[in-house]
Amino acid sequence: MTFDTIIRGGTVATASDTFQCDVGISGGRIAALGENLGGAKDIVDARERLVLPGGIDSHVHIAQPSGPGIVMADDFASGTRSAAFGGNTMVLPFAMQQKGESLREVVKAYHTKADGHCYVDVSFHLIIADATDRVLGQELPALVNDGYTSFKVFMTYEGLALSDLELLNVMSVARETGALVMVHAENYDTIRFLTDRLERAGKTAPHYHAASRPIPVEREATHRAISLSEIVDVPIMIVHVSNREAMEEIRRAQQRGLKIYGETCPQYLVLTAKDLEGLNMEGAKYVCSPPPRDHASQQACWEGLQQRVFSLFSSDHCPFRYDEKGKLAPKGRTSFRWVPNGIPGVETRLPILFSEGVSKRRISLNEFVALSATNHARTYGLYPKKGTIAVGADADIAIWDPNRELTISQSLMHGGSDYTPYEGIKVKGWPVSTMVRGKFVVRDGELVGQEGAGEYVSREKSPLAKPREA
């Protein structure tokens, strides 16, 4: 048998196994695993390399409205190009509804932004900001049936925060349709109260952003979200968890048998609130929500990964440009209140996890694969088409040099932002080639794929969520 491509001599790892074998690829899929597979049009030498499922980053923001005078740094071309260089073969951005908008029209608009511009595959989550009867009764159930099987709700941010009643109504639709709900858990009223107090005291520098969103703000909202989900009897994913208290709320719910799941991100493993203390507005480069905490919180997030309280590790990539619009905040706005909440990270997510996790023996290589790819595919209705190396799966593969050492720098990045918050962090282990459906997007560190080669992928319902039985 002749294959399109054979990846030869590498160490293949999945979420459960590690083994030496060659990978034969035909028609964009993995056709064979074994030795002496025969010939191929392209033979890839992977000796001394790891052959891993391509990363799936299931929490990214691309080309998303961000407020008056603020423009997100990545469109779908730059965002997915950056993802590919970071060893990712798929990303799941958000189609964000704003007040008064039709959810169906929002989805159409996002397809217009993405279609023909992606380097890797994509699928959309929905963001529900206007939980009207029409949205909940007609649009949302229809979109779930069309393959948009997960949606995010916010407990904070002006124009996005839903009341408890609205959250219950959205969760009820998820219960009926078998969709999975993602929750940004921070208490909006408490943040407003603390922000007003800080500003009245003249405390407006970027590092006060962390003071406006202390750990109890996240812990309380996490507990409330879990309580609401328990009332409706619906699984939820608490996203971007930053500290022990919120992690322990999730753990306790899991120990009680509730279907509560958790996600954390690189910023909570390697950054702290002290990073927001840069001179002038430099600290704005680290503003995200929830904010980075302290070293004890970092340790707690590692425990959450190691003990499987968290099943997902995502970037929460939300990029802006520092040297535009008055150092991130709109012109004339100098308080932390006006700094857009979000940092770039899709390209550095996996090198940070590999270096800090696998290379430093905090997690195994198989756990890395699960946290970076397989669990995302399982959670969001993509498995086994995506997220693993197995016969019949899409040939979405990242080839890693586990011994490559370098220092993260903006000069190495390929996205639209003009900085990385991880500048200067030394890592060991780096993705050198990325293949999507059997075709290289990045090969030996060079971009070889074409803009538009990435496809939109409709998803099945999550196995974590089951529709109400009749």
Protein backbone atom coordinates (compact mmCIF):
# COMPACT_ATOMS: atom_id res chain seq x y z
CA MET A 1 0.00 0.00 0.00
CA THR A 2 1.21 3.49 -0.84
CA PHE A 3 0.33 6.32 1.52
CA ASP A 4 0.22 10.05 0.97
CA THR A 5 2.54 10.53 3.95
CA ILE A 6 4.39 8.34 6.41
CA ILE A 7 5.71 9.83 9.64
CA ARG A 8 8.56 7.49 10.43
CA GLY A 9 10.62 6.73 13.52
CA GLY A 10 8.86 8.89 16.08
CA THR A 11 7.49 8.21 19.55
CA VAL A 12 3.70 8.31 19.33
CA ALA A 13 1.70 9.27 22.41
CA THR A 14 -2.03 9.31 23.07
CA ALA A 15 -3.92 10.05 26.26
CA SER A 16 -3.42 6.44 27.37
CA ASP A 17 -0.39 4.95 25.60
CA THR A 18 3.13 5.74 24.40
CA PHE A 19 4.75 3.59 21.72
CA GLN A 20 7.20 3.55 18.84
CA CYS A 21 5.58 3.23 15.43
CA ASP A 22 5.19 4.80 12.02
CA VAL A 23 2.03 6.68 11.06
CA GLY A 24 0.59 6.16 7.59
CA ILE A 25 -1.70 8.89 6.27
CA SER A 26 -4.07 8.77 3.30
CA GLY A 27 -6.88 11.08 2.27
CA GLY A 28 -6.39 13.33 5.28
CA ARG A 29 -6.86 10.53 7.81
CA ILE A 30 -4.66 8.15 9.73
CA ALA A 31 -4.75 4.95 7.70
CA ALA A 32 -2.23 2.74 9.52
CA LEU A 33 -0.04 2.51 12.61
CA GLY A 34 2.85 0.07 12.58
CA GLU A 35 6.27 -0.80 11.20
CA ASN A 36 7.41 -1.25 7.61
CA LEU A 37 4.32 0.43 6.24
CA GLY A 38 5.69 0.61 2.71
CA GLY A 39 5.99 3.62 0.49
CA ALA A 40 4.60 7.14 0.49
CA LYS A 41 4.77 10.29 -1.56
CA ASP A 42 6.26 12.04 1.48
CA ILE A 43 8.40 10.40 4.16
CA VAL A 44 8.77 12.48 7.32
CA ASP A 45 11.74 11.67 9.56
CA ALA A 46 10.53 11.88 13.17
CA ARG A 47 13.45 10.20 14.89
CA GLU A 48 14.07 11.73 18.34
CA ARG A 49 10.74 13.49 18.03
CA LEU A 50 7.34 13.08 19.68
CA VAL A 51 4.35 12.51 17.41
CA LEU A 52 1.30 13.82 19.27
CA PRO A 53 -2.33 14.64 18.51
CA GLY A 54 -2.54 18.25 17.41
CA GLY A 55 -3.58 20.56 20.22
CA ILE A 56 -7.19 21.64 20.50
CA ASP A 57 -7.59 25.00 22.21
CA SER A 58 -11.24 25.08 23.18
CA HIS A 59 -11.23 28.57 24.70
CA VAL A 60 -10.07 31.36 22.40
CA HIS A 61 -11.46 34.76 21.42
CA ILE A 62 -10.88 35.89 17.83
CA ALA A 63 -12.29 38.93 15.99
CA GLN A 64 -14.70 39.55 18.84
CA PRO A 65 -16.35 42.91 19.65
CA SER A 66 -14.61 44.35 22.71
CA GLY A 67 -16.12 47.75 23.40
CA PRO A 68 -15.96 51.31 21.99
CA GLY A 69 -12.51 52.25 20.74
CA ILE A 70 -11.05 48.77 21.32
CA VAL A 71 -10.08 46.41 18.50
CA MET A 72 -9.07 42.80 19.06
CA ALA A 73 -5.61 42.09 17.71
CA ASP A 74 -6.35 38.80 15.93
CA ASP A 75 -8.58 38.08 12.99
CA PHE A 76 -9.10 34.47 11.95
CA ALA A 77 -6.04 34.44 9.71
CA SER A 78 -3.56 35.68 12.31
CA GLY A 79 -5.19 33.84 15.20
CA THR A 80 -5.22 30.44 13.52
CA ARG A 81 -1.72 30.96 12.09
CA SER A 82 -0.48 31.61 15.61
CA ALA A 83 -2.33 28.54 16.83
CA ALA A 84 -0.62 26.36 14.22
CA PHE A 85 2.85 27.52 15.25
CA GLY A 86 1.91 26.58 18.82
CA GLY A 87 1.18 22.97 17.87
CA ASN A 88 -2.58 23.38 17.60
CA THR A 89 -4.68 21.88 14.82
CA MET A 90 -8.05 23.21 15.97
CA VAL A 91 -9.44 26.13 17.95
CA LEU A 92 -12.91 26.85 19.29
CA PRO A 93 -13.63 30.59 19.32
CA PHE A 94 -16.85 32.26 20.46
CA ALA A 95 -19.65 33.72 18.39
CA MET A 96 -20.64 36.47 20.83
CA GLN A 97 -24.17 37.79 20.95
CA GLN A 98 -24.73 41.35 22.16
CA LYS A 99 -27.94 42.82 23.53
CA GLY A 100 -30.68 43.01 20.92
CA GLU A 101 -28.95 40.75 18.41
CA SER A 102 -30.35 37.64 16.80
CA LEU A 103 -28.22 34.66 17.78
CA ARG A 104 -28.64 33.16 14.33
CA GLU A 105 -27.41 36.36 12.68
CA VAL A 106 -24.41 36.47 15.03
CA VAL A 107 -23.41 32.98 13.93
CA LYS A 108 -23.72 33.96 10.27
CA ALA A 109 -21.53 37.01 10.86
CA TYR A 110 -18.82 34.92 12.51
CA HIS A 111 -18.82 32.47 9.64
CA THR A 112 -18.30 35.40 7.29
CA LYS A 113 -15.28 36.48 9.34
CA ALA A 114 -13.81 32.98 9.45
CA ASP A 115 -14.64 31.33 6.13
CA GLY A 116 -11.66 31.23 3.80
CA HIS A 117 -9.24 32.68 6.34
CA CYS A 118 -8.29 29.86 8.73
CA TYR A 119 -5.03 27.90 8.78
CA VAL A 120 -6.38 25.27 11.21
CA ASP A 121 -9.85 23.84 11.76
CA VAL A 122 -12.39 25.75 13.83
CA SER A 123 -15.73 25.29 15.53
CA PHE A 124 -17.79 27.88 17.39
CA HIS A 125 -19.15 28.09 20.89
CA LEU A 126 -22.00 30.56 21.37
CA ILE A 127 -22.10 33.38 23.94
CA ILE A 128 -25.58 34.13 25.28
CA ALA A 129 -25.89 37.75 26.37
CA ASP A 130 -29.58 38.38 25.64
CA ALA A 131 -31.65 35.49 26.97
CA THR A 132 -34.96 36.48 25.39
CA ASP A 133 -37.88 34.13 24.87
CA ARG A 134 -37.12 34.02 21.15
CA VAL A 135 -33.45 33.18 21.70
CA LEU A 136 -34.14 30.49 24.29
CA GLY A 137 -37.29 29.10 22.73
CA GLN A 138 -36.35 29.09 19.05
CA GLU A 139 -32.86 30.14 18.04
CA LEU A 140 -30.77 28.34 20.63
CA PRO A 141 -32.43 24.90 20.34
CA ALA A 142 -32.20 25.10 16.54
CA LEU A 143 -28.52 26.03 16.65
CA VAL A 144 -27.74 23.17 19.03
CA ASN A 145 -29.35 20.80 16.55
CA ASP A 146 -27.19 22.36 13.82
CA GLY A 147 -23.99 21.41 15.66
CA TYR A 148 -23.36 24.45 17.88
CA THR A 149 -23.51 22.25 20.95
CA SER A 150 -21.90 24.42 23.64
CA PHE A 151 -22.45 27.94 24.85
CA LYS A 152 -20.96 30.29 27.37
CA VAL A 153 -22.67 32.47 29.95
CA PHE A 154 -21.15 35.28 32.01
CA MET A 155 -21.73 36.20 35.63
CA THR A 156 -19.81 39.47 35.14
CA TYR A 157 -19.17 42.29 32.62
CA GLU A 158 -21.60 45.04 31.69
CA GLY A 159 -23.87 43.92 28.88
CA LEU A 160 -22.93 40.26 29.32
CA ALA A 161 -23.74 39.34 32.93
CA LEU A 162 -26.92 37.29 33.28
CA SER A 163 -29.12 37.31 36.36
CA ASP A 164 -29.64 34.10 38.28
CA LEU A 165 -33.06 33.73 36.69
CA GLU A 166 -31.55 34.13 33.22
CA LEU A 167 -28.83 31.62 34.07
CA LEU A 168 -31.45 29.12 35.19
CA ASN A 169 -33.41 29.63 31.98
CA VAL A 170 -30.32 29.12 29.82
CA MET A 171 -29.31 26.04 31.79
CA SER A 172 -32.81 24.67 31.34
CA VAL A 173 -32.45 24.92 27.55
CA ALA A 174 -29.14 23.11 27.81
CA ARG A 175 -30.82 20.39 29.88
CA GLU A 176 -33.54 19.96 27.26
CA THR A 177 -31.25 19.98 24.21
CA GLY A 178 -28.15 18.20 25.49
CA ALA A 179 -25.85 21.22 25.13
CA LEU A 180 -22.93 21.96 27.45
CA VAL A 181 -22.83 25.23 29.39
CA MET A 182 -19.53 27.04 30.02
CA VAL A 183 -19.55 29.54 32.89
CA HIS A 184 -17.37 32.60 33.54
CA ALA A 185 -17.77 32.71 37.33
CA GLU A 186 -17.14 36.12 38.91
CA ASN A 187 -19.60 38.19 40.94
CA TYR A 188 -20.41 41.29 38.85
CA ASP A 189 -21.98 43.44 41.61
CA THR A 190 -19.04 42.86 43.94
CA ILE A 191 -16.57 43.81 41.21
CA ARG A 192 -18.51 47.02 40.55
CA PHE A 193 -18.55 47.82 44.28
CA LEU A 194 -14.81 47.26 44.68
CA THR A 195 -13.93 49.10 41.46
CA ASP A 196 -15.87 52.19 42.53
CA ARG A 197 -14.15 52.19 45.93
CA LEU A 198 -10.69 51.84 44.40
CA GLU A 199 -11.28 54.65 41.91
CA ARG A 200 -12.61 57.00 44.59
CA ALA A 201 -9.37 56.35 46.50
CA GLY A 202 -7.32 57.19 43.41
CA LYS A 203 -6.16 53.60 43.01
CA THR A 204 -6.42 53.28 39.24
CA ALA A 205 -3.12 51.70 38.10
CA PRO A 206 -3.36 48.35 36.28
CA HIS A 207 -2.33 46.31 39.33
CA TYR A 208 -5.53 47.37 41.08
CA HIS A 209 -7.38 45.25 38.55
CA ALA A 210 -6.48 42.24 40.70
CA ALA A 211 -7.70 44.02 43.85
CA SER A 212 -11.06 44.63 42.18
CA ARG A 213 -11.53 40.88 41.58
CA PRO A 214 -10.18 39.08 44.68
CA ILE A 215 -10.51 35.34 45.18
CA PRO A 216 -13.87 35.50 47.07
CA VAL A 217 -15.44 37.10 43.97
CA GLU A 218 -14.58 33.98 41.98
CA ARG A 219 -15.25 31.49 44.76
CA GLU A 220 -18.75 32.83 45.46
CA ALA A 221 -19.75 32.84 41.81
CA THR A 222 -18.35 29.33 41.32
CA HIS A 223 -20.42 28.07 44.25
CA ARG A 224 -23.52 29.85 42.94
CA ALA A 225 -23.08 28.50 39.41
CA ILE A 226 -22.74 24.98 40.81
CA SER A 227 -25.87 25.46 42.94
CA LEU A 228 -27.89 26.69 39.97
CA SER A 229 -26.72 23.80 37.82
CA GLU A 230 -27.67 21.37 40.59
CA ILE A 231 -31.18 22.80 40.69
CA VAL A 232 -31.60 22.34 36.93
CA ASP A 233 -29.64 19.07 36.91
CA VAL A 234 -27.35 20.09 34.07
CA PRO A 235 -23.58 19.64 33.62
CA ILE A 236 -21.46 22.80 33.48
CA MET A 237 -17.84 23.65 32.72
CA ILE A 238 -16.35 26.32 35.00
CA VAL A 239 -13.76 28.01 32.81
CA HIS A 240 -10.41 29.68 33.59
CA VAL A 241 -10.23 28.78 37.28
CA SER A 242 -7.44 30.70 39.01
CA ASN A 243 -7.20 29.64 42.66
CA ARG A 244 -7.61 26.97 45.32
CA GLU A 245 -10.92 28.17 46.74
CA ALA A 246 -12.74 27.96 43.39
CA MET A 247 -10.98 24.69 42.57
CA GLU A 248 -12.12 23.21 45.88
CA GLU A 249 -15.73 24.22 45.15
CA ILE A 250 -15.51 22.18 41.95
CA ARG A 251 -13.83 19.27 43.70
CA ARG A 252 -16.53 19.13 46.40
CA ALA A 253 -19.25 19.15 43.76
CA GLN A 254 -17.52 16.32 41.90
CA GLN A 255 -17.19 14.32 45.12
CA ARG A 256 -20.95 14.70 45.61
CA GLY A 257 -21.48 13.15 42.19
CA LEU A 258 -22.41 16.34 40.36
CA LYS A 259 -21.36 16.75 36.74
CA ILE A 260 -19.22 19.81 37.30
CA TYR A 261 -16.07 20.22 35.23
CA GLY A 262 -13.18 22.64 35.38
CA GLU A 263 -10.64 24.35 33.16
CA THR A 264 -7.50 26.34 33.94
CA CYS A 265 -5.03 28.31 31.83
CA PRO A 266 -1.29 29.12 31.51
CA GLN A 267 -1.59 32.51 33.18
CA TYR A 268 -2.59 30.80 36.43
CA LEU A 269 0.44 28.51 36.35
CA VAL A 270 3.26 30.96 35.57
CA LEU A 271 2.03 34.53 36.21
CA THR A 272 1.09 36.26 39.46
CA ALA A 273 -0.62 39.50 40.45
CA LYS A 274 2.84 41.07 40.84
CA ASP A 275 3.18 41.02 37.06
CA LEU A 276 0.50 43.74 36.94
CA GLU A 277 2.80 46.10 38.87
CA GLY A 278 4.89 47.25 35.91
CA LEU A 279 5.82 50.92 35.53
CA ASN A 280 3.34 53.30 33.90
CA MET A 281 0.83 51.13 32.00
CA GLU A 282 3.12 48.11 31.52
CA GLY A 283 1.00 46.16 33.96
CA ALA A 284 -1.90 46.40 31.50
CA LYS A 285 -0.21 43.64 29.49
CA TYR A 286 -1.24 41.18 32.21
CA VAL A 287 -4.86 42.26 32.73
CA CYS A 288 -7.20 39.31 32.36
CA SER A 289 -10.17 38.01 34.30
CA PRO A 290 -9.93 36.29 36.65
CA PRO A 291 -6.52 37.87 37.29
CA PRO A 292 -3.35 35.92 38.06
CA ARG A 293 -3.10 35.36 41.81
CA ASP A 294 -0.09 34.23 43.86
CA HIS A 295 2.29 31.28 44.10
CA ALA A 296 -0.07 29.37 46.40
CA SER A 297 -2.79 29.69 43.78
CA GLN A 298 -0.38 28.46 41.11
CA GLN A 299 0.26 25.35 43.18
CA ALA A 300 -3.47 24.83 43.63
CA CYS A 301 -4.04 24.99 39.88
CA TRP A 302 -1.30 22.41 39.33
CA GLU A 303 -3.02 20.19 41.88
CA GLY A 304 -6.27 20.66 40.00
CA LEU A 305 -4.59 19.38 36.84
CA GLN A 306 -2.73 16.54 38.53
CA GLN A 307 -5.79 15.33 40.44
CA ARG A 308 -8.11 15.71 37.44
CA VAL A 309 -10.36 18.28 39.06
CA PHE A 310 -9.59 20.21 35.87
CA SER A 311 -10.03 18.20 32.69
CA LEU A 312 -9.15 21.02 30.28
CA PHE A 313 -6.15 23.30 29.83
CA SER A 314 -6.97 26.20 27.51
CA SER A 315 -5.34 29.52 26.70
CA ASP A 316 -8.32 31.90 27.01
CA HIS A 317 -6.50 33.67 24.16
CA CYS A 318 -7.96 37.19 24.02
CA PRO A 319 -5.38 39.42 22.27
CA PHE A 320 -5.08 43.19 22.11
CA ARG A 321 -2.30 45.55 21.04
CA TYR A 322 -0.35 47.42 23.68
CA ASP A 323 0.97 50.29 21.54
CA GLU A 324 -2.41 51.34 20.19
CA LYS A 325 -5.31 53.19 21.76
CA GLY A 326 -3.32 54.65 24.65
CA LYS A 327 -1.47 51.60 25.94
CA LEU A 328 -4.43 49.19 25.67
CA ALA A 329 -7.04 51.41 27.31
CA PRO A 330 -9.01 53.80 25.04
CA LYS A 331 -7.54 57.27 24.65
CA GLY A 332 -8.04 59.41 27.73
CA ARG A 333 -9.02 56.46 29.93
CA THR A 334 -6.26 55.79 32.45
CA SER A 335 -8.01 53.59 35.03
CA PHE A 336 -7.64 49.80 35.09
CA ARG A 337 -11.43 49.78 34.60
CA TRP A 338 -10.94 50.59 30.91
CA VAL A 339 -8.17 48.13 30.09
CA PRO A 340 -9.67 45.35 27.94
CA ASN A 341 -9.67 42.08 29.82
CA GLY A 342 -7.58 39.55 27.97
CA ILE A 343 -4.09 38.44 26.99
CA PRO A 344 -2.64 36.56 23.99
CA GLY A 345 -1.68 32.94 24.60
CA VAL A 346 -2.79 30.47 21.92
CA GLU A 347 0.78 30.04 20.62
CA THR A 348 2.42 29.59 24.01
CA ARG A 349 -0.21 27.41 25.77
CA LEU A 350 1.31 24.06 24.87
CA PRO A 351 5.02 24.89 25.22
CA ILE A 352 4.32 26.24 28.72
CA LEU A 353 2.35 23.14 29.74
CA PHE A 354 4.91 20.79 28.21
CA SER A 355 7.88 22.56 29.80
CA GLU A 356 6.38 23.19 33.23
CA GLY A 357 4.42 19.95 33.26
CA VAL A 358 6.14 17.16 31.32
CA SER A 359 9.74 18.38 31.38
CA LYS A 360 9.55 19.14 35.10
CA ARG A 361 7.65 15.89 35.78
CA ARG A 362 4.55 17.44 37.23
CA ILE A 363 2.42 15.52 34.70
CA SER A 364 3.08 12.61 32.35
CA LEU A 365 3.26 12.85 28.57
CA ASN A 366 -0.08 11.04 28.36
CA GLU A 367 -1.67 13.52 30.74
CA PHE A 368 -0.28 16.31 28.57
CA VAL A 369 -2.01 14.81 25.52
CA ALA A 370 -5.28 14.50 27.44
CA LEU A 371 -5.16 18.07 28.76
CA SER A 372 -4.05 19.59 25.45
CA ALA A 373 -6.18 17.66 22.95
CA THR A 374 -8.10 14.50 23.82
CA ASN A 375 -10.22 15.86 26.67
CA HIS A 376 -11.18 18.88 24.57
CA ALA A 377 -12.34 16.60 21.77
CA ARG A 378 -14.31 14.40 24.16
CA THR A 379 -15.85 17.34 26.01
CA TYR A 380 -17.04 19.21 22.95
CA GLY A 381 -18.30 16.44 20.67
CA LEU A 382 -15.27 16.01 18.40
CA TYR A 383 -13.91 12.64 19.49
CA PRO A 384 -12.70 10.31 17.93
CA LYS A 385 -12.50 12.33 14.72
CA LYS A 386 -10.25 14.77 16.54
CA GLY A 387 -7.97 14.62 19.55
CA THR A 388 -6.19 11.30 19.15
CA ILE A 389 -3.84 9.29 16.97
CA ALA A 390 -5.85 6.27 15.84
CA VAL A 391 -6.76 4.62 12.56
CA GLY A 392 -9.67 6.52 11.05
CA ALA A 393 -9.08 9.76 12.93
CA ASP A 394 -8.24 12.97 11.13
CA ALA A 395 -4.48 13.26 10.63
CA ASP A 396 -4.19 16.25 12.97
CA ILE A 397 -0.66 15.84 14.26
CA ALA A 398 2.00 17.92 15.99
CA ILE A 399 5.62 16.82 15.88
CA TRP A 400 7.58 17.96 18.93
CA ASP A 401 11.25 18.33 19.76
CA PRO A 402 11.08 17.50 23.49
CA ASN A 403 14.62 18.73 24.12
CA ARG A 404 14.51 22.07 22.35
CA GLU A 405 15.18 24.89 24.81
CA LEU A 406 14.35 28.51 24.12
CA THR A 407 13.11 31.67 25.76
CA ILE A 408 9.63 32.89 24.86
CA SER A 409 9.79 36.24 23.08
CA GLN A 410 7.42 38.34 21.04
CA SER A 411 9.93 38.03 18.19
CA LEU A 412 8.99 34.34 17.96
CA MET A 413 5.23 34.90 17.87
CA HIS A 414 3.00 34.82 14.77
CA GLY A 415 -0.24 36.44 15.92
CA GLY A 416 -1.64 39.95 15.71
CA SER A 417 -0.71 41.18 19.18
CA ASP A 418 2.47 43.19 19.66
CA TYR A 419 3.53 41.58 22.94
CA THR A 420 3.41 38.32 24.86
CA PRO A 421 2.77 38.29 28.61
CA TYR A 422 5.11 35.30 28.80
CA GLU A 423 8.15 37.26 27.59
CA GLY A 424 11.35 35.86 29.05
CA ILE A 425 10.00 32.54 30.28
CA LYS A 426 12.39 29.69 29.46
CA VAL A 427 10.84 26.49 28.14
CA LYS A 428 12.04 23.02 27.22
CA GLY A 429 10.04 21.30 24.47
CA TRP A 430 8.66 22.95 21.35
CA PRO A 431 6.37 21.96 18.45
CA VAL A 432 8.36 22.01 15.21
CA SER A 433 5.72 20.84 12.70
CA THR A 434 1.92 20.92 12.63
CA MET A 435 -0.28 18.93 10.27
CA VAL A 436 -4.03 19.42 9.76
CA ARG A 437 -5.94 16.61 8.06
CA GLY A 438 -2.75 15.22 6.56
CA LYS A 439 -1.32 18.47 5.23
CA PHE A 440 1.44 20.45 6.88
CA VAL A 441 0.59 23.95 7.99
CA VAL A 442 3.94 24.43 9.72
CA ARG A 443 6.90 22.26 8.74
CA ASP A 444 10.26 22.48 10.47
CA GLY A 445 9.33 25.86 11.86
CA GLU A 446 8.23 27.37 8.54
CA LEU A 447 4.71 28.28 7.44
CA VAL A 448 3.83 26.06 4.46
CA GLY A 449 0.03 25.91 4.72
CA GLN A 450 -2.41 28.17 2.94
CA GLU A 451 -4.82 30.63 4.49
CA GLY A 452 -8.27 29.14 4.06
CA ALA A 453 -7.17 25.51 4.27
CA GLY A 454 -8.71 25.23 7.74
CA GLU A 455 -12.32 24.08 7.80
CA TYR A 456 -15.34 24.66 10.01
CA VAL A 457 -16.28 21.49 11.92
CA SER A 458 -19.83 20.85 13.08
CA ARG A 459 -19.90 19.04 16.41
CA GLU A 460 -21.88 16.26 18.02
CA LYS A 461 -23.46 16.80 21.43
CA SER A 462 -21.09 16.45 24.34
CA PRO A 463 -21.09 13.03 26.01
CA LEU A 464 -20.98 14.98 29.27
CA ALA A 465 -24.47 16.37 28.64
CA LYS A 466 -27.59 14.34 28.01
CA PRO A 467 -30.97 15.74 26.96
CA ARG A 468 -33.92 15.27 29.29
CA GLU A 469 -35.55 11.88 28.93
CA ALA A 470 -39.18 11.88 27.82
